[in-house]
Amino acid sequence: MKLGVFLVLFSSQTFEQALDRAKGLGLDTVEIGTGNYPGNAHCNPEKLLKSDSALKKFRDAVAERGLEISALSCHGNPLHPDSTIAKAHRDCQRKTILLAEKLGIPRIITFSGCPGDNEKAKYPNWVTCPWPDDFSKIVRWQWEKKAIPYWKEEVRFAKNHNVKQICLEMHPGFVVYNPETLLKLRDAAGKEIGANFDPSHLFWQGIDPLAALKKLKGAVYHVHAKDTKIDVCNTSVNGVLDTKTYLDEINRSWIFRTVGYGHSHEFWNDFVSALRMTGYDGTLSIEHEDSLMSVDEGLGKAVSFLKNILIVEAKPKAWWT
C-alpha cells in the first residue's frame, strides 16, 4: 500500500509547490483535481490535451519528485437537472478520461450524480424514504431514465480510452451513496464502475466500513483516508441527517475529522487489514477536511498516524502452515 494526498488541499499554491509539499511529507502518490467541485488549480485537462509540451512538463514535475499520480478527480454531478451544469460536468469528465489515457492512468474519480424528480426540475432530488409512493416513483425514474443509461454510455467511452476504473465516491446526496447502490449501478453499467472508498461518508450513515469492504470485494479501486466524529449527544436528539453548516461543529450530529480523531488506531488497523484481505493494495489518499485543524497540522497528524498503520511490504508466505 502507498500513502498519498488529495492535492486540492494546496490549491492556493502552484503545482510544483504542492508537489514539493507532498514530497516533503514523505508521501508516495498524489490525487489531482481536474475540475468540477475540486477545481482545476493544478491540472486543466483542456490545456494539457492541446499541448504536448505542457503535458510533458506536467508529467515530469511529478516524476522528478519520485511521486506517482494515484488518480485524476473530477467529482461532479453529471446527472444534474440543470442542463448547463450537467453539460459542464460531463465535458470535464470526458476531458479527464482523455487526459488519464494520455498519462497512462487507469482510473478517474467522481460522483454518480443525482437527477431531479422530472424533466423540468431545477435541482437534484435525493430521496431517503419509500413512502408516500411519490418517492419510490422518483427513485425508479432516476435510475431507469437517467443514471443507468448515462453510466452505460460513459463506461463505453472510458473503455474506448483505456480507463478501466471509474471510481465513484459513495456520497449521500447522489444516487450511489452506499455499497448496495454502488453494486446496483455496477451490475447495470459494467465492472469498470467501482468505489473510491471513503469511510467518512459511511460512518455517519451507520455503515460499518469493514463490513462494507467485504461486500465490495473486488470493486474498490481507490481509497480516501478521512475520518468522521459522531456526536452522540446530538445524534441522540436529532439523528444523523444534519443540514447545518460544517462550521457549526458543536451543534452538528457529526463532523469530518483528521484520521485518528474520529476513530481509534484499532479501527484504522482493522481497516488497512480489511483492505489487504479484500485484495486492495493501492493508495490511501488523505483528504483533509477537518475544520478544527489547520492544513499543516491536520495533514501532518494524518501522515504520521497512517505511516505507523499502513501495510507496505508484500503479503508473506505463511511459513507456519
C-alpha atoms as a PDB file:
ATOM      1  CA  MET A   1       0.000   0.000   0.000  1.00  0.00           C
ATOM      2  CA  LYS A   2       1.027   3.584  -0.614  1.00  0.00           C
ATOM      3  CA  LEU A   3       0.217   6.835   1.140  1.00  0.00           C
ATOM      4  CA  GLY A   4      -0.877   9.908  -0.763  1.00  0.00           C
ATOM      5  CA  VAL A   5      -2.799  13.155  -0.578  1.00  0.00           C
ATOM      6  CA  PHE A   6      -5.655  14.753  -2.470  1.00  0.00           C
ATOM      7  CA  LEU A   7      -3.657  17.687  -3.792  1.00  0.00           C
ATOM      8  CA  VAL A   8      -6.576  20.153  -3.928  1.00  0.00           C
ATOM      9  CA  LEU A   9      -5.627  20.844  -0.321  1.00  0.00           C
ATOM     10  CA  PHE A  10      -2.878  23.060  -1.759  1.00  0.00           C
ATOM     11  CA  SER A  11      -4.930  24.777  -4.454  1.00  0.00           C
ATOM     12  CA  SER A  12      -3.628  28.188  -3.423  1.00  0.00           C
ATOM     13  CA  GLN A  13      -0.101  27.086  -4.319  1.00  0.00           C
ATOM     14  CA  THR A  14       1.467  26.314  -7.683  1.00  0.00           C
ATOM     15  CA  PHE A  15       1.533  22.733  -8.914  1.00  0.00           C
ATOM     16  CA  GLU A  16       5.256  22.462  -8.248  1.00  0.00           C
ATOM     17  CA  GLN A  17       4.896  23.898  -4.737  1.00  0.00           C
ATOM     18  CA  ALA A  18       2.071  21.480  -3.982  1.00  0.00           C
ATOM     19  CA  LEU A  19       4.143  18.543  -5.202  1.00  0.00           C
ATOM     20  CA  ASP A  20       7.038  19.709  -3.044  1.00  0.00           C
ATOM     21  CA  ARG A  21       4.732  19.695  -0.026  1.00  0.00           C
ATOM     22  CA  ALA A  22       3.694  16.122  -0.767  1.00  0.00           C
ATOM     23  CA  LYS A  23       7.301  15.054  -1.285  1.00  0.00           C
ATOM     24  CA  GLY A  24       8.401  16.809   1.889  1.00  0.00           C
ATOM     25  CA  LEU A  25       5.870  14.817   3.899  1.00  0.00           C
ATOM     26  CA  GLY A  26       7.320  11.582   2.558  1.00  0.00           C
ATOM     27  CA  LEU A  27       4.221  10.677   0.556  1.00  0.00           C
ATOM     28  CA  ASP A  28       4.195   8.285  -2.373  1.00  0.00           C
ATOM     29  CA  THR A  29       1.285   9.486  -4.509  1.00  0.00           C
ATOM     30  CA  VAL A  30      -0.870  12.473  -5.361  1.00  0.00           C
ATOM     31  CA  GLU A  31      -4.508  12.583  -6.386  1.00  0.00           C
ATOM     32  CA  ILE A  32      -5.062  15.552  -8.666  1.00  0.00           C
ATOM     33  CA  GLY A  33      -8.244  17.524  -9.218  1.00  0.00           C
ATOM     34  CA  THR A  34      -9.149  18.257 -12.825  1.00  0.00           C
ATOM     35  CA  GLY A  35     -12.240  20.405 -12.350  1.00  0.00           C
ATOM     36  CA  ASN A  36     -15.909  20.366 -11.284  1.00  0.00           C
ATOM     37  CA  TYR A  37     -16.245  20.520  -7.480  1.00  0.00           C
ATOM     38  CA  PRO A  38     -12.497  20.025  -6.721  1.00  0.00           C
ATOM     39  CA  GLY A  39     -11.480  22.740  -9.176  1.00  0.00           C
ATOM     40  CA  ASN A  40      -8.539  22.551 -11.590  1.00  0.00           C
ATOM     41  CA  ALA A  41      -5.931  24.747  -9.894  1.00  0.00           C
ATOM     42  CA  HIS A  42      -3.159  22.255 -10.676  1.00  0.00           C
ATOM     43  CA  CYS A  43      -4.471  20.479 -13.753  1.00  0.00           C
ATOM     44  CA  ASN A  44      -6.530  21.902 -16.600  1.00  0.00           C
ATOM     45  CA  PRO A  45      -7.293  18.955 -18.899  1.00  0.00           C
ATOM     46  CA  GLU A  46      -8.326  21.160 -21.805  1.00  0.00           C
ATOM     47  CA  LYS A  47      -4.971  22.957 -21.837  1.00  0.00           C
ATOM     48  CA  LEU A  48      -2.886  19.829 -21.303  1.00  0.00           C
ATOM     49  CA  LEU A  49      -4.679  17.959 -24.079  1.00  0.00           C
ATOM     50  CA  LYS A  50      -3.831  20.744 -26.516  1.00  0.00           C
ATOM     51  CA  SER A  51      -0.116  20.970 -25.755  1.00  0.00           C
ATOM     52  CA  ASP A  52       2.372  18.104 -25.788  1.00  0.00           C
ATOM     53  CA  SER A  53       4.996  20.318 -24.168  1.00  0.00           C
ATOM     54  CA  ALA A  54       2.666  21.310 -21.331  1.00  0.00           C
ATOM     55  CA  LEU A  55       1.708  17.665 -20.841  1.00  0.00           C
ATOM     56  CA  LYS A  56       5.378  16.647 -20.676  1.00  0.00           C
ATOM     57  CA  LYS A  57       6.136  19.395 -18.164  1.00  0.00           C
ATOM     58  CA  PHE A  58       3.198  18.227 -16.045  1.00  0.00           C
ATOM     59  CA  ARG A  59       4.277  14.588 -16.159  1.00  0.00           C
ATOM     60  CA  ASP A  60       7.913  15.419 -15.473  1.00  0.00           C
ATOM     61  CA  ALA A  61       7.060  17.575 -12.461  1.00  0.00           C
ATOM     62  CA  VAL A  62       5.528  14.538 -10.776  1.00  0.00           C
ATOM     63  CA  ALA A  63       8.187  12.032 -11.842  1.00  0.00           C
ATOM     64  CA  GLU A  64      11.141  14.236 -10.869  1.00  0.00           C
ATOM     65  CA  ARG A  65       9.947  14.186  -7.281  1.00  0.00           C
ATOM     66  CA  GLY A  66       9.589  10.417  -7.224  1.00  0.00           C
ATOM     67  CA  LEU A  67       5.815  10.671  -6.919  1.00  0.00           C
ATOM     68  CA  GLU A  68       3.026   8.843  -8.743  1.00  0.00           C
ATOM     69  CA  ILE A  69      -0.462  10.010  -9.669  1.00  0.00           C
ATOM     70  CA  SER A  70      -2.971   7.732  -7.949  1.00  0.00           C
ATOM     71  CA  ALA A  71      -5.985   9.169  -9.796  1.00  0.00           C
ATOM     72  CA  LEU A  72      -7.446  12.164 -11.593  1.00  0.00           C
ATOM     73  CA  SER A  73     -10.503  13.502  -9.778  1.00  0.00           C
ATOM     74  CA  CYS A  74     -13.389  15.418 -11.302  1.00  0.00           C
ATOM     75  CA  HIS A  75     -16.119  14.945  -8.674  1.00  0.00           C
ATOM     76  CA  GLY A  76     -19.261  16.421 -10.173  1.00  0.00           C
ATOM     77  CA  ASN A  77     -22.942  15.872 -10.876  1.00  0.00           C
ATOM     78  CA  PRO A  78     -23.240  14.698 -14.479  1.00  0.00           C
ATOM     79  CA  LEU A  79     -26.936  13.956 -13.872  1.00  0.00           C
ATOM     80  CA  HIS A  80     -27.798  17.443 -12.631  1.00  0.00           C
ATOM     81  CA  PRO A  81     -31.283  18.504 -13.845  1.00  0.00           C
ATOM     82  CA  ASP A  82     -29.899  21.886 -14.885  1.00  0.00           C
ATOM     83  CA  SER A  83     -28.620  21.034 -18.355  1.00  0.00           C
ATOM     84  CA  THR A  84     -25.953  23.753 -18.224  1.00  0.00           C
ATOM     85  CA  ILE A  85     -24.428  22.291 -15.082  1.00  0.00           C
ATOM     86  CA  ALA A  86     -24.784  18.708 -16.300  1.00  0.00           C
ATOM     87  CA  LYS A  87     -23.091  19.516 -19.609  1.00  0.00           C
ATOM     88  CA  ALA A  88     -20.182  21.300 -17.932  1.00  0.00           C
ATOM     89  CA  HIS A  89     -19.633  18.419 -15.524  1.00  0.00           C
ATOM     90  CA  ARG A  90     -19.908  15.815 -18.284  1.00  0.00           C
ATOM     91  CA  ASP A  91     -17.494  17.702 -20.516  1.00  0.00           C
ATOM     92  CA  CYS A  92     -14.963  17.956 -17.703  1.00  0.00           C
ATOM     93  CA  GLN A  93     -15.304  14.247 -17.005  1.00  0.00           C
ATOM     94  CA  ARG A  94     -14.756  13.331 -20.659  1.00  0.00           C
ATOM     95  CA  LYS A  95     -11.653  15.532 -20.828  1.00  0.00           C
ATOM     96  CA  THR A  96     -10.413  13.944 -17.602  1.00  0.00           C
ATOM     97  CA  ILE A  97     -10.784  10.495 -19.151  1.00  0.00           C
ATOM     98  CA  LEU A  98      -8.879  11.609 -22.249  1.00  0.00           C
ATOM     99  CA  LEU A  99      -6.126  13.095 -20.090  1.00  0.00           C
ATOM    100  CA  ALA A 100      -5.919   9.935 -17.999  1.00  0.00           C
ATOM    101  CA  GLU A 101      -5.390   7.980 -21.214  1.00  0.00           C
ATOM    102  CA  LYS A 102      -2.568  10.318 -22.256  1.00  0.00           C
ATOM    103  CA  LEU A 103      -0.911   9.986 -18.863  1.00  0.00           C
ATOM    104  CA  GLY A 104      -1.364   6.227 -18.660  1.00  0.00           C
ATOM    105  CA  ILE A 105      -3.535   6.476 -15.546  1.00  0.00           C
ATOM    106  CA  PRO A 106      -6.200   3.751 -15.475  1.00  0.00           C
ATOM    107  CA  ARG A 107      -8.676   5.474 -13.146  1.00  0.00           C
ATOM    108  CA  ILE A 108     -10.684   8.619 -12.557  1.00  0.00           C
ATOM    109  CA  ILE A 109     -12.743   9.584  -9.516  1.00  0.00           C
ATOM    110  CA  THR A 110     -16.130  11.260  -9.466  1.00  0.00           C
ATOM    111  CA  PHE A 111     -19.650  11.079  -8.042  1.00  0.00           C
ATOM    112  CA  SER A 112     -22.540   9.132  -9.545  1.00  0.00           C
ATOM    113  CA  GLY A 113     -24.649  12.281  -9.737  1.00  0.00           C
ATOM    114  CA  CYS A 114     -28.256  12.898  -8.801  1.00  0.00           C
ATOM    115  CA  PRO A 115     -31.098  13.947 -11.137  1.00  0.00           C
ATOM    116  CA  GLY A 116     -34.167  15.929 -10.231  1.00  0.00           C
ATOM    117  CA  ASP A 117     -37.602  14.364  -9.947  1.00  0.00           C
ATOM    118  CA  ASN A 118     -38.789  15.088 -13.503  1.00  0.00           C
ATOM    119  CA  GLU A 119     -37.585  16.535 -16.808  1.00  0.00           C
ATOM    120  CA  LYS A 120     -38.456  20.092 -15.783  1.00  0.00           C
ATOM    121  CA  ALA A 121     -36.740  20.013 -12.376  1.00  0.00           C
ATOM    122  CA  LYS A 122     -34.182  22.673 -11.445  1.00  0.00           C
ATOM    123  CA  TYR A 123     -32.448  20.972  -8.531  1.00  0.00           C
ATOM    124  CA  PRO A 124     -31.333  17.430  -7.617  1.00  0.00           C
ATOM    125  CA  ASN A 125     -33.738  15.379  -5.522  1.00  0.00           C
ATOM    126  CA  TRP A 126     -32.100  12.845  -3.202  1.00  0.00           C
ATOM    127  CA  VAL A 127     -34.792  10.519  -1.893  1.00  0.00           C
ATOM    128  CA  THR A 128     -34.322   8.950   1.554  1.00  0.00           C
ATOM    129  CA  CYS A 129     -37.603   7.048   2.119  1.00  0.00           C
ATOM    130  CA  PRO A 130     -40.002   4.928   0.027  1.00  0.00           C
ATOM    131  CA  TRP A 131     -43.345   6.398   1.125  1.00  0.00           C
ATOM    132  CA  PRO A 132     -45.528   8.178   0.183  1.00  0.00           C
ATOM    133  CA  ASP A 133     -45.323   6.350  -3.127  1.00  0.00           C
ATOM    134  CA  ASP A 134     -44.218   9.520  -4.926  1.00  0.00           C
ATOM    135  CA  PHE A 135     -40.719   8.934  -3.570  1.00  0.00           C
ATOM    136  CA  SER A 136     -40.475   5.369  -4.865  1.00  0.00           C
ATOM    137  CA  LYS A 137     -41.603   6.565  -8.289  1.00  0.00           C
ATOM    138  CA  ILE A 138     -38.929   9.259  -8.283  1.00  0.00           C
ATOM    139  CA  VAL A 139     -36.161   6.778  -7.448  1.00  0.00           C
ATOM    140  CA  ARG A 140     -37.309   4.378 -10.159  1.00  0.00           C
ATOM    141  CA  TRP A 141     -37.389   7.190 -12.740  1.00  0.00           C
ATOM    142  CA  GLN A 142     -33.955   8.479 -11.701  1.00  0.00           C
ATOM    143  CA  TRP A 143     -32.331   5.074 -12.136  1.00  0.00           C
ATOM    144  CA  GLU A 144     -34.163   3.812 -15.228  1.00  0.00           C
ATOM    145  CA  LYS A 145     -34.269   7.029 -17.231  1.00  0.00           C
ATOM    146  CA  LYS A 146     -31.153   8.859 -16.083  1.00  0.00           C
ATOM    147  CA  ALA A 147     -28.484   7.059 -14.072  1.00  0.00           C
ATOM    148  CA  ILE A 148     -28.260   3.698 -15.837  1.00  0.00           C
ATOM    149  CA  PRO A 149     -28.425   4.990 -19.441  1.00  0.00           C
ATOM    150  CA  TYR A 150     -25.839   7.692 -18.742  1.00  0.00           C
ATOM    151  CA  TRP A 151     -23.351   5.464 -16.991  1.00  0.00           C
ATOM    152  CA  LYS A 152     -23.631   2.694 -19.564  1.00  0.00           C
ATOM    153  CA  GLU A 153     -22.547   5.169 -22.220  1.00  0.00           C
ATOM    154  CA  GLU A 154     -19.835   6.647 -20.016  1.00  0.00           C
ATOM    155  CA  VAL A 155     -18.381   3.202 -19.326  1.00  0.00           C
ATOM    156  CA  ARG A 156     -18.201   2.589 -23.088  1.00  0.00           C
ATOM    157  CA  PHE A 157     -16.362   5.873 -23.580  1.00  0.00           C
ATOM    158  CA  ALA A 158     -13.905   5.123 -20.773  1.00  0.00           C
ATOM    159  CA  LYS A 159     -13.185   1.620 -22.093  1.00  0.00           C
ATOM    160  CA  ASN A 160     -12.504   3.032 -25.550  1.00  0.00           C
ATOM    161  CA  HIS A 161      -9.894   5.313 -23.992  1.00  0.00           C
ATOM    162  CA  ASN A 162      -8.135   2.773 -21.761  1.00  0.00           C
ATOM    163  CA  VAL A 163      -9.624   3.997 -18.492  1.00  0.00           C
ATOM    164  CA  LYS A 164     -10.587   0.789 -16.742  1.00  0.00           C
ATOM    165  CA  GLN A 165     -11.730   2.150 -13.394  1.00  0.00           C
ATOM    166  CA  ILE A 166     -14.406   4.766 -12.813  1.00  0.00           C
ATOM    167  CA  CYS A 167     -14.203   5.241  -9.055  1.00  0.00           C
ATOM    168  CA  LEU A 168     -17.479   6.541  -7.667  1.00  0.00           C
ATOM    169  CA  GLU A 169     -17.352   8.042  -4.212  1.00  0.00           C
ATOM    170  CA  MET A 170     -20.324   6.771  -2.218  1.00  0.00           C
ATOM    171  CA  HIS A 171     -21.680  10.108  -1.036  1.00  0.00           C
ATOM    172  CA  PRO A 172     -25.141  10.975   0.329  1.00  0.00           C
ATOM    173  CA  GLY A 173     -26.953  13.352  -1.966  1.00  0.00           C
ATOM    174  CA  PHE A 174     -26.192  11.230  -5.036  1.00  0.00           C
ATOM    175  CA  VAL A 175     -27.792   8.046  -6.371  1.00  0.00           C
ATOM    176  CA  VAL A 176     -24.745   5.999  -5.304  1.00  0.00           C
ATOM    177  CA  TYR A 177     -24.225   6.507  -1.582  1.00  0.00           C
ATOM    178  CA  ASN A 178     -23.684   3.021  -0.111  1.00  0.00           C
ATOM    179  CA  PRO A 179     -22.476  -0.457  -1.189  1.00  0.00           C
ATOM    180  CA  GLU A 180     -25.936  -1.543  -2.316  1.00  0.00           C
ATOM    181  CA  THR A 181     -26.386   1.363  -4.723  1.00  0.00           C
ATOM    182  CA  LEU A 182     -22.799   1.103  -5.976  1.00  0.00           C
ATOM    183  CA  LEU A 183     -23.256  -2.576  -6.812  1.00  0.00           C
ATOM    184  CA  LYS A 184     -26.620  -1.837  -8.409  1.00  0.00           C
ATOM    185  CA  LEU A 185     -25.007   0.589 -10.842  1.00  0.00           C
ATOM    186  CA  ARG A 186     -22.007  -1.706 -11.373  1.00  0.00           C
ATOM    187  CA  ASP A 187     -24.326  -4.594 -12.289  1.00  0.00           C
ATOM    188  CA  ALA A 188     -26.193  -2.375 -14.739  1.00  0.00           C
ATOM    189  CA  ALA A 189     -23.296  -0.489 -16.359  1.00  0.00           C
ATOM    190  CA  GLY A 190     -20.240  -2.723 -16.081  1.00  0.00           C
ATOM    191  CA  LYS A 191     -17.329  -3.718 -13.870  1.00  0.00           C
ATOM    192  CA  GLU A 192     -15.500  -0.530 -14.785  1.00  0.00           C
ATOM    193  CA  ILE A 193     -17.726   1.023 -12.130  1.00  0.00           C
ATOM    194  CA  GLY A 194     -16.124   0.680  -8.703  1.00  0.00           C
ATOM    195  CA  ALA A 195     -15.653   2.583  -5.468  1.00  0.00           C
ATOM    196  CA  ASN A 196     -13.487   5.409  -4.346  1.00  0.00           C
ATOM    197  CA  PHE A 197     -13.919   4.099  -0.818  1.00  0.00           C
ATOM    198  CA  ASP A 198     -14.167   6.968   1.673  1.00  0.00           C
ATOM    199  CA  PRO A 199     -15.138   5.699   5.134  1.00  0.00           C
ATOM    200  CA  SER A 200     -16.001   9.184   6.371  1.00  0.00           C
ATOM    201  CA  HIS A 201     -19.249   9.227   4.370  1.00  0.00           C
ATOM    202  CA  LEU A 202     -20.202   5.781   5.601  1.00  0.00           C
ATOM    203  CA  PHE A 203     -19.652   6.311   9.320  1.00  0.00           C
ATOM    204  CA  TRP A 204     -22.467   8.810   9.768  1.00  0.00           C
ATOM    205  CA  GLN A 205     -24.914   6.698   7.795  1.00  0.00           C
ATOM    206  CA  GLY A 206     -24.437   3.922  10.349  1.00  0.00           C
ATOM    207  CA  ILE A 207     -22.444   1.767   7.919  1.00  0.00           C
ATOM    208  CA  ASP A 208     -19.532  -0.290   9.197  1.00  0.00           C
ATOM    209  CA  PRO A 209     -16.702   0.344   6.697  1.00  0.00           C
ATOM    210  CA  LEU A 210     -15.169  -3.056   7.471  1.00  0.00           C
ATOM    211  CA  ALA A 211     -18.372  -4.874   6.551  1.00  0.00           C
ATOM    212  CA  ALA A 212     -18.748  -2.616   3.501  1.00  0.00           C
ATOM    213  CA  LEU A 213     -15.250  -3.554   2.287  1.00  0.00           C
ATOM    214  CA  LYS A 214     -16.122  -7.243   2.417  1.00  0.00           C
ATOM    215  CA  LYS A 215     -19.317  -6.625   0.473  1.00  0.00           C
ATOM    216  CA  LEU A 216     -17.371  -4.656  -2.154  1.00  0.00           C
ATOM    217  CA  LYS A 217     -14.504  -7.124  -2.534  1.00  0.00           C
ATOM    218  CA  GLY A 218     -13.029  -6.662  -5.995  1.00  0.00           C
ATOM    219  CA  ALA A 219     -14.891  -3.395  -6.570  1.00  0.00           C
ATOM    220  CA  VAL A 220     -12.709  -0.995  -4.545  1.00  0.00           C
ATOM    221  CA  TYR A 221     -10.444   0.902  -6.948  1.00  0.00           C
ATOM    222  CA  HIS A 222      -9.205   3.814  -4.812  1.00  0.00           C
ATOM    223  CA  VAL A 223      -9.386   4.798  -1.131  1.00  0.00           C
ATOM    224  CA  HIS A 224      -9.703   8.100   0.717  1.00  0.00           C
ATOM    225  CA  ALA A 225      -8.320   8.401   4.239  1.00  0.00           C
ATOM    226  CA  LYS A 226     -10.721  10.670   6.097  1.00  0.00           C
ATOM    227  CA  ASP A 227     -12.423  10.266   9.451  1.00  0.00           C
ATOM    228  CA  THR A 228     -15.761  11.307  10.958  1.00  0.00           C
ATOM    229  CA  LYS A 229     -16.642  12.007  14.562  1.00  0.00           C
ATOM    230  CA  ILE A 230     -20.196  11.212  15.606  1.00  0.00           C
ATOM    231  CA  ASP A 231     -21.532  13.445  18.397  1.00  0.00           C
ATOM    232  CA  VAL A 232     -23.603  11.003  20.429  1.00  0.00           C
ATOM    233  CA  CYS A 233     -25.344  13.747  22.407  1.00  0.00           C
ATOM    234  CA  ASN A 234     -26.563  15.492  19.270  1.00  0.00           C
ATOM    235  CA  THR A 235     -27.459  12.345  17.338  1.00  0.00           C
ATOM    236  CA  SER A 236     -29.416  11.074  20.340  1.00  0.00           C
ATOM    237  CA  VAL A 237     -31.705  14.067  19.926  1.00  0.00           C
ATOM    238  CA  ASN A 238     -31.634  14.831  16.196  1.00  0.00           C
ATOM    239  CA  GLY A 239     -30.410  11.697  14.414  1.00  0.00           C
ATOM    240  CA  VAL A 240     -27.734  11.750  11.742  1.00  0.00           C
ATOM    241  CA  LEU A 241     -29.429  13.708   8.952  1.00  0.00           C
ATOM    242  CA  ASP A 242     -27.952  17.152   9.502  1.00  0.00           C
ATOM    243  CA  THR A 243     -28.091  20.148   7.162  1.00  0.00           C
ATOM    244  CA  LYS A 244     -26.348  22.625   9.458  1.00  0.00           C
ATOM    245  CA  THR A 245     -23.118  24.148   8.159  1.00  0.00           C
ATOM    246  CA  TYR A 246     -19.971  22.101   8.725  1.00  0.00           C
ATOM    247  CA  LEU A 247     -18.626  25.086  10.677  1.00  0.00           C
ATOM    248  CA  ASP A 248     -21.267  24.721  13.408  1.00  0.00           C
ATOM    249  CA  GLU A 249     -19.191  21.928  14.893  1.00  0.00           C
ATOM    250  CA  ILE A 250     -20.541  21.991  18.437  1.00  0.00           C
ATOM    251  CA  ASN A 251     -24.180  21.588  17.348  1.00  0.00           C
ATOM    252  CA  ARG A 252     -23.786  19.166  14.435  1.00  0.00           C
ATOM    253  CA  SER A 253     -24.576  15.462  14.698  1.00  0.00           C
ATOM    254  CA  TRP A 254     -21.206  14.671  13.111  1.00  0.00           C
ATOM    255  CA  ILE A 255     -18.181  16.398  11.606  1.00  0.00           C
ATOM    256  CA  PHE A 256     -15.276  15.341   9.418  1.00  0.00           C
ATOM    257  CA  ARG A 257     -12.035  14.786  11.290  1.00  0.00           C
ATOM    258  CA  THR A 258      -8.405  14.009  10.623  1.00  0.00           C
ATOM    259  CA  VAL A 259      -7.804  10.261  10.787  1.00  0.00           C
ATOM    260  CA  GLY A 260      -7.471   9.150  14.386  1.00  0.00           C
ATOM    261  CA  TYR A 261      -9.711  11.903  15.742  1.00  0.00           C
ATOM    262  CA  GLY A 262     -12.958  10.178  14.843  1.00  0.00           C
ATOM    263  CA  HIS A 263     -11.952   6.550  15.299  1.00  0.00           C
ATOM    264  CA  SER A 264      -9.090   4.888  17.099  1.00  0.00           C
ATOM    265  CA  HIS A 265      -5.912   3.140  15.997  1.00  0.00           C
ATOM    266  CA  GLU A 266      -7.817  -0.094  16.438  1.00  0.00           C
ATOM    267  CA  PHE A 267     -10.305   0.793  13.714  1.00  0.00           C
ATOM    268  CA  TRP A 268      -7.663   2.025  11.278  1.00  0.00           C
ATOM    269  CA  ASN A 269      -5.518  -1.069  11.923  1.00  0.00           C
ATOM    270  CA  ASP A 270      -8.549  -3.197  11.103  1.00  0.00           C
ATOM    271  CA  PHE A 271      -9.319  -1.008   8.082  1.00  0.00           C
ATOM    272  CA  VAL A 272      -5.968  -1.446   6.329  1.00  0.00           C
ATOM    273  CA  SER A 273      -6.056  -5.150   7.207  1.00  0.00           C
ATOM    274  CA  ALA A 274      -9.517  -5.459   5.647  1.00  0.00           C
ATOM    275  CA  LEU A 275      -8.235  -3.679   2.548  1.00  0.00           C
ATOM    276  CA  ARG A 276      -5.490  -6.266   2.222  1.00  0.00           C
ATOM    277  CA  MET A 277      -7.850  -9.195   2.868  1.00  0.00           C
ATOM    278  CA  THR A 278     -10.212  -7.978   0.152  1.00  0.00           C
ATOM    279  CA  GLY A 279      -7.410  -7.544  -2.390  1.00  0.00           C
ATOM    280  CA  TYR A 280      -6.751  -3.795  -2.335  1.00  0.00           C
ATOM    281  CA  ASP A 281      -3.087  -2.820  -2.360  1.00  0.00           C
ATOM    282  CA  GLY A 282      -3.224   0.698  -3.777  1.00  0.00           C
ATOM    283  CA  THR A 283      -3.124   4.204  -2.347  1.00  0.00           C
ATOM    284  CA  LEU A 284      -4.713   5.634   0.754  1.00  0.00           C
ATOM    285  CA  SER A 285      -5.209   9.224  -0.339  1.00  0.00           C
ATOM    286  CA  ILE A 286      -5.553  11.633   2.579  1.00  0.00           C
ATOM    287  CA  GLU A 287      -8.414  14.085   2.163  1.00  0.00           C
ATOM    288  CA  HIS A 288      -8.128  16.770   4.815  1.00  0.00           C
ATOM    289  CA  GLU A 289     -11.488  18.381   5.645  1.00  0.00           C
ATOM    290  CA  ASP A 290     -11.112  18.814   9.401  1.00  0.00           C
ATOM    291  CA  SER A 291     -12.489  22.250  10.293  1.00  0.00           C
ATOM    292  CA  LEU A 292     -10.862  22.142  13.739  1.00  0.00           C
ATOM    293  CA  MET A 293      -7.305  21.851  12.427  1.00  0.00           C
ATOM    294  CA  SER A 294      -5.159  23.855  10.047  1.00  0.00           C
ATOM    295  CA  VAL A 295      -3.987  22.260   6.826  1.00  0.00           C
ATOM    296  CA  ASP A 296      -0.459  21.793   8.149  1.00  0.00           C
ATOM    297  CA  GLU A 297      -1.455  20.337  11.494  1.00  0.00           C
ATOM    298  CA  GLY A 298      -4.295  18.163  10.233  1.00  0.00           C
ATOM    299  CA  LEU A 299      -2.375  16.743   7.310  1.00  0.00           C
ATOM    300  CA  GLY A 300       0.787  16.293   9.350  1.00  0.00           C
ATOM    301  CA  LYS A 301      -1.076  14.343  12.023  1.00  0.00           C
ATOM    302  CA  ALA A 302      -2.782  12.187   9.377  1.00  0.00           C
ATOM    303  CA  VAL A 303       0.518  11.350   7.687  1.00  0.00           C
ATOM    304  CA  SER A 304       2.207  10.458  10.963  1.00  0.00           C
ATOM    305  CA  PHE A 305      -0.773   8.380  12.104  1.00  0.00           C
ATOM    306  CA  LEU A 306      -1.134   6.424   8.872  1.00  0.00           C
ATOM    307  CA  LYS A 307       2.573   5.765   8.353  1.00  0.00           C
ATOM    308  CA  ASN A 308       2.509   3.661  11.510  1.00  0.00           C
ATOM    309  CA  ILE A 309      -0.567   1.745  10.365  1.00  0.00           C
ATOM    310  CA  LEU A 310      -0.086   1.228   6.632  1.00  0.00           C
ATOM    311  CA  ILE A 311       0.963  -2.248   5.491  1.00  0.00           C
ATOM    312  CA  VAL A 312       3.702  -1.691   2.926  1.00  0.00           C
ATOM    313  CA  GLU A 313       5.521  -4.979   2.465  1.00  0.00           C
ATOM    314  CA  ALA A 314       4.245  -7.815   0.293  1.00  0.00           C
ATOM    315  CA  LYS A 315       1.995 -10.369   1.929  1.00  0.00           C
ATOM    316  CA  PRO A 316       4.241 -13.221   3.124  1.00  0.00           C
ATOM    317  CA  LYS A 317       4.025 -16.923   2.525  1.00  0.00           C
ATOM    318  CA  ALA A 318       2.602 -18.457   5.692  1.00  0.00           C
ATOM    319  CA  TRP A 319       5.652 -20.433   6.803  1.00  0.00           C
ATOM    320  CA  TRP A 320       3.839 -21.948   9.788  1.00  0.00           C
ATOM    321  CA  THR A 321       1.161 -23.775   7.796  1.00  0.00           C
END
